[in-house]
């Protein structure tokens, strides 16, 4: 059983996936200048904790230069198999986000 297959609070393992909207707000962000070796060619890059509209928080990368401010509205662009969630800034009339 993988670590993510068990609730970290109660220990239950009968979990089911649920689709949630991929839009939210930046809670905190930082720019990585000295990354792990496997990401050395990608530095500098920015990671953020995003509070999704569903109330969950997740960590992911911010793409481009936008969204690097507290409270910035971001949406899930894609989930990279090696890097995890990739978020981009949302413009006011942009289409709704992909789901996680």
N, C-alpha and C. Protein backbone atom coordinates (compact mmCIF):
# COMPACT_ATOMS: atom_id res chain seq x y z
N UNK A 1 0.85 -1.18 0.00
CA UNK A 1 0.00 0.00 0.00
C UNK A 1 0.90 1.24 0.00
N UNK A 2 0.63 2.17 -0.89
CA UNK A 2 1.40 3.40 -0.98
C UNK A 2 1.04 4.34 0.17
N UNK A 3 1.96 5.22 0.51
CA UNK A 3 1.76 6.15 1.61
C UNK A 3 0.48 6.97 1.43
N UNK A 4 0.17 7.39 0.20
CA UNK A 4 -1.01 8.20 -0.07
C UNK A 4 -2.31 7.43 -0.05
N UNK A 5 -2.25 6.10 0.11
CA UNK A 5 -3.45 5.27 0.11
C UNK A 5 -4.07 5.12 1.49
N UNK A 6 -3.51 5.83 2.48
CA UNK A 6 -4.00 5.74 3.85
C UNK A 6 -4.20 7.15 4.38
N UNK A 7 -5.30 7.38 5.08
CA UNK A 7 -5.54 8.68 5.69
C UNK A 7 -4.47 8.94 6.75
N UNK A 8 -3.76 10.07 6.66
CA UNK A 8 -2.71 10.35 7.64
C UNK A 8 -3.24 10.69 9.03
N UNK A 9 -4.54 10.95 9.14
CA UNK A 9 -5.12 11.33 10.43
C UNK A 9 -5.74 10.14 11.14
N UNK A 10 -6.60 9.38 10.43
CA UNK A 10 -7.32 8.29 11.09
C UNK A 10 -6.80 6.90 10.72
N UNK A 11 -5.97 6.80 9.67
CA UNK A 11 -5.41 5.52 9.27
C UNK A 11 -6.30 4.66 8.38
N UNK A 12 -7.46 5.17 8.00
CA UNK A 12 -8.36 4.38 7.14
C UNK A 12 -7.72 4.15 5.77
N UNK A 13 -7.98 2.97 5.22
CA UNK A 13 -7.43 2.64 3.91
C UNK A 13 -8.51 2.43 2.85
N UNK A 14 -9.78 2.58 3.21
CA UNK A 14 -10.87 2.39 2.25
C UNK A 14 -11.22 3.73 1.58
N UNK A 15 -10.20 4.36 1.03
CA UNK A 15 -10.35 5.68 0.42
C UNK A 15 -10.80 5.56 -1.04
N UNK A 16 -11.49 6.57 -1.50
CA UNK A 16 -11.94 6.62 -2.89
C UNK A 16 -11.51 7.95 -3.49
N UNK A 17 -11.09 7.95 -4.77
CA UNK A 17 -10.71 9.21 -5.39
C UNK A 17 -11.94 10.09 -5.64
N UNK A 18 -11.75 11.39 -5.53
CA UNK A 18 -12.80 12.36 -5.81
C UNK A 18 -12.22 13.45 -6.69
N UNK A 19 -12.95 13.83 -7.70
CA UNK A 19 -12.51 14.90 -8.58
C UNK A 19 -12.84 16.25 -7.95
N UNK A 20 -11.86 17.15 -7.94
CA UNK A 20 -12.07 18.48 -7.39
C UNK A 20 -11.58 19.51 -8.40
N UNK A 21 -12.13 20.71 -8.31
CA UNK A 21 -11.72 21.78 -9.21
C UNK A 21 -10.27 22.16 -8.94
N UNK A 22 -9.55 22.52 -9.98
CA UNK A 22 -8.14 22.83 -9.87
C UNK A 22 -7.84 24.31 -9.75
N UNK A 23 -8.77 25.11 -9.25
CA UNK A 23 -8.53 26.54 -9.07
C UNK A 23 -8.40 26.84 -7.59
N UNK A 24 -7.58 27.85 -7.29
CA UNK A 24 -7.41 28.23 -5.90
C UNK A 24 -6.58 29.48 -5.76
N UNK A 25 -6.07 29.70 -4.55
CA UNK A 25 -5.30 30.90 -4.22
C UNK A 25 -3.95 30.50 -3.65
N UNK A 26 -2.92 31.29 -4.00
CA UNK A 26 -1.58 31.05 -3.49
C UNK A 26 -1.54 31.45 -2.01
N UNK A 27 -1.13 30.51 -1.16
CA UNK A 27 -1.00 30.75 0.27
C UNK A 27 0.41 31.23 0.59
N UNK A 28 1.39 30.59 -0.02
CA UNK A 28 2.80 30.96 0.16
C UNK A 28 3.57 30.44 -1.05
N UNK A 29 4.65 31.11 -1.40
CA UNK A 29 5.46 30.68 -2.54
C UNK A 29 6.93 30.96 -2.27
N UNK A 30 7.78 30.25 -2.98
CA UNK A 30 9.22 30.48 -2.89
C UNK A 30 9.86 30.12 -4.22
N UNK A 31 10.95 30.78 -4.54
CA UNK A 31 11.69 30.48 -5.76
C UNK A 31 12.92 29.66 -5.39
N UNK A 32 13.07 28.53 -6.05
CA UNK A 32 14.18 27.61 -5.81
C UNK A 32 15.34 27.98 -6.72
N UNK A 33 16.47 28.35 -6.12
CA UNK A 33 17.67 28.70 -6.88
C UNK A 33 18.71 27.59 -6.84
N UNK A 34 18.69 26.78 -5.77
CA UNK A 34 19.62 25.66 -5.63
C UNK A 34 18.77 24.39 -5.48
N UNK A 35 18.40 23.78 -6.61
CA UNK A 35 17.48 22.65 -6.59
C UNK A 35 18.19 21.31 -6.38
N UNK A 36 17.41 20.25 -6.18
CA UNK A 36 17.98 18.90 -6.20
C UNK A 36 18.64 18.67 -7.57
N UNK A 37 19.62 17.80 -7.62
CA UNK A 37 20.40 17.55 -8.83
C UNK A 37 19.52 17.28 -10.05
N UNK A 38 18.47 16.50 -9.91
CA UNK A 38 17.66 16.14 -11.08
C UNK A 38 16.90 17.31 -11.69
N UNK A 39 16.76 18.41 -10.94
CA UNK A 39 16.08 19.59 -11.46
C UNK A 39 17.03 20.77 -11.69
N UNK A 40 18.33 20.51 -11.66
CA UNK A 40 19.33 21.58 -11.76
C UNK A 40 19.18 22.42 -13.02
N UNK A 41 18.84 21.81 -14.15
CA UNK A 41 18.69 22.54 -15.40
C UNK A 41 17.45 23.43 -15.44
N UNK A 42 16.54 23.26 -14.48
CA UNK A 42 15.28 24.00 -14.49
C UNK A 42 15.31 25.23 -13.58
N UNK A 43 16.34 25.38 -12.77
CA UNK A 43 16.42 26.49 -11.81
C UNK A 43 16.70 27.80 -12.53
N UNK A 44 16.20 28.89 -12.01
CA UNK A 44 15.30 28.96 -10.87
C UNK A 44 13.85 28.64 -11.27
N UNK A 45 13.11 28.05 -10.35
CA UNK A 45 11.68 27.79 -10.56
C UNK A 45 10.95 28.08 -9.25
N UNK A 46 9.64 28.28 -9.36
CA UNK A 46 8.84 28.70 -8.21
C UNK A 46 7.86 27.60 -7.82
N UNK A 47 7.79 27.30 -6.53
CA UNK A 47 6.81 26.38 -5.99
C UNK A 47 5.90 27.15 -5.04
N UNK A 48 4.68 26.66 -4.90
CA UNK A 48 3.71 27.35 -4.05
C UNK A 48 2.82 26.34 -3.33
N UNK A 49 2.30 26.76 -2.21
CA UNK A 49 1.19 26.05 -1.57
C UNK A 49 -0.06 26.75 -2.04
N UNK A 50 -0.97 25.99 -2.64
CA UNK A 50 -2.22 26.53 -3.19
C UNK A 50 -3.39 25.97 -2.40
N UNK A 51 -4.25 26.86 -1.92
CA UNK A 51 -5.49 26.42 -1.28
C UNK A 51 -6.55 26.36 -2.36
N UNK A 52 -6.98 25.15 -2.68
CA UNK A 52 -7.97 24.94 -3.73
C UNK A 52 -9.35 25.38 -3.24
N UNK A 53 -10.24 25.65 -4.17
CA UNK A 53 -11.59 26.10 -3.83
C UNK A 53 -12.31 25.11 -2.94
N UNK A 54 -11.94 23.83 -3.02
CA UNK A 54 -12.57 22.79 -2.20
C UNK A 54 -12.06 22.82 -0.76
N UNK A 55 -11.08 23.70 -0.47
CA UNK A 55 -10.56 23.81 0.88
C UNK A 55 -9.30 23.00 1.14
N UNK A 56 -8.90 22.17 0.19
CA UNK A 56 -7.68 21.39 0.33
C UNK A 56 -6.48 22.22 -0.07
N UNK A 57 -5.33 21.90 0.48
CA UNK A 57 -4.09 22.58 0.10
C UNK A 57 -3.16 21.58 -0.56
N UNK A 58 -2.46 22.04 -1.59
CA UNK A 58 -1.50 21.20 -2.29
C UNK A 58 -0.30 22.04 -2.68
N UNK A 59 0.81 21.37 -2.86
CA UNK A 59 2.01 22.07 -3.32
C UNK A 59 2.20 21.79 -4.80
N UNK A 60 2.63 22.80 -5.53
CA UNK A 60 2.89 22.62 -6.95
C UNK A 60 3.76 23.75 -7.46
N UNK A 61 4.15 23.64 -8.70
CA UNK A 61 4.96 24.68 -9.33
C UNK A 61 4.08 25.74 -9.95
N UNK A 62 4.57 26.97 -9.93
CA UNK A 62 3.93 28.06 -10.66
C UNK A 62 4.66 28.18 -11.99
N UNK A 63 3.91 28.20 -13.08
CA UNK A 63 4.52 28.35 -14.40
C UNK A 63 4.54 29.82 -14.79
N UNK A 64 5.53 30.21 -15.55
CA UNK A 64 5.65 31.61 -15.96
C UNK A 64 6.00 32.49 -14.79
N UNK A 65 5.81 33.79 -14.96
CA UNK A 65 6.16 34.75 -13.90
C UNK A 65 4.96 35.20 -13.08
N UNK A 66 3.76 34.91 -13.54
CA UNK A 66 2.56 35.37 -12.84
C UNK A 66 2.25 34.48 -11.64
N UNK A 67 1.44 34.98 -10.74
CA UNK A 67 0.99 34.21 -9.58
C UNK A 67 1.93 34.26 -8.40
N UNK A 68 3.00 35.04 -8.52
CA UNK A 68 3.98 35.10 -7.43
C UNK A 68 3.63 36.20 -6.43
N UNK A 69 2.43 36.10 -5.90
CA UNK A 69 2.00 37.01 -4.84
C UNK A 69 0.97 36.29 -3.99
N UNK A 70 0.94 36.60 -2.72
CA UNK A 70 -0.01 35.96 -1.83
C UNK A 70 -1.42 36.27 -2.27
N UNK A 71 -2.25 35.26 -2.30
CA UNK A 71 -3.64 35.43 -2.69
C UNK A 71 -3.89 35.40 -4.19
N UNK A 72 -2.83 35.25 -5.00
CA UNK A 72 -3.00 35.21 -6.46
C UNK A 72 -3.92 34.05 -6.84
N UNK A 73 -4.81 34.30 -7.79
CA UNK A 73 -5.74 33.29 -8.27
C UNK A 73 -5.01 32.45 -9.32
N UNK A 74 -4.94 31.14 -9.09
CA UNK A 74 -4.24 30.24 -10.00
C UNK A 74 -5.13 29.06 -10.35
N UNK A 75 -4.75 28.36 -11.42
CA UNK A 75 -5.49 27.15 -11.79
C UNK A 75 -4.50 26.08 -12.20
N UNK A 76 -4.93 24.85 -12.07
CA UNK A 76 -4.13 23.71 -12.47
C UNK A 76 -4.00 23.71 -13.98
N UNK A 77 -2.78 23.72 -14.47
CA UNK A 77 -2.53 23.64 -15.91
C UNK A 77 -2.43 22.19 -16.33
N UNK A 78 -1.67 21.41 -15.55
CA UNK A 78 -1.51 19.97 -15.80
C UNK A 78 -0.83 19.36 -14.59
N UNK A 79 -0.82 18.03 -14.54
CA UNK A 79 -0.08 17.31 -13.51
C UNK A 79 1.06 16.60 -14.21
N UNK A 80 2.27 17.03 -13.93
CA UNK A 80 3.47 16.44 -14.52
C UNK A 80 3.82 15.19 -13.71
N UNK A 81 4.08 14.06 -14.37
CA UNK A 81 4.36 12.83 -13.61
C UNK A 81 5.61 12.91 -12.73
N UNK A 82 6.57 13.76 -13.08
CA UNK A 82 7.79 13.89 -12.29
C UNK A 82 7.79 15.09 -11.36
N UNK A 83 7.02 16.11 -11.67
CA UNK A 83 7.06 17.36 -10.92
C UNK A 83 5.78 17.64 -10.14
N UNK A 84 4.73 16.91 -10.42
CA UNK A 84 3.48 17.13 -9.71
C UNK A 84 2.64 18.22 -10.34
N UNK A 85 1.73 18.84 -9.57
CA UNK A 85 0.84 19.86 -10.10
C UNK A 85 1.60 21.08 -10.63
N UNK A 86 1.17 21.57 -11.79
CA UNK A 86 1.75 22.76 -12.41
C UNK A 86 0.62 23.78 -12.50
N UNK A 87 0.76 24.92 -11.81
CA UNK A 87 -0.27 25.94 -11.76
C UNK A 87 0.12 27.16 -12.58
N UNK A 88 -0.90 27.84 -13.12
CA UNK A 88 -0.69 29.09 -13.85
C UNK A 88 -1.64 30.14 -13.29
N UNK A 89 -1.30 31.40 -13.47
CA UNK A 89 -2.17 32.49 -13.03
C UNK A 89 -3.44 32.49 -13.86
N UNK A 90 -4.55 32.86 -13.24
CA UNK A 90 -5.84 32.93 -13.92
C UNK A 90 -6.13 34.37 -14.28
N UNK A 91 -6.47 34.58 -15.53
CA UNK A 91 -6.93 35.90 -15.95
C UNK A 91 -8.43 35.95 -15.73
N UNK A 92 -8.98 37.11 -15.60
CA UNK A 92 -10.39 37.27 -15.21
C UNK A 92 -11.39 36.55 -16.09
N UNK A 93 -11.15 36.48 -17.41
CA UNK A 93 -12.13 35.82 -18.28
C UNK A 93 -11.60 34.51 -18.86
N UNK A 94 -10.65 33.87 -18.16
CA UNK A 94 -10.08 32.60 -18.64
C UNK A 94 -11.09 31.47 -18.42
N UNK A 95 -11.03 30.40 -19.24
CA UNK A 95 -11.91 29.26 -19.06
C UNK A 95 -11.64 28.52 -17.74
N UNK A 96 -12.61 27.76 -17.28
CA UNK A 96 -12.49 27.02 -16.02
C UNK A 96 -11.35 26.01 -16.11
N UNK A 97 -10.85 25.62 -14.93
CA UNK A 97 -9.68 24.77 -14.82
C UNK A 97 -9.96 23.29 -15.03
N UNK A 98 -8.89 22.58 -15.27
CA UNK A 98 -8.88 21.13 -15.30
C UNK A 98 -9.13 20.66 -13.86
N UNK A 99 -9.51 19.41 -13.68
CA UNK A 99 -9.72 18.87 -12.33
C UNK A 99 -8.55 18.00 -11.93
N UNK A 100 -8.33 17.92 -10.62
CA UNK A 100 -7.28 17.03 -10.08
C UNK A 100 -7.82 15.62 -9.98
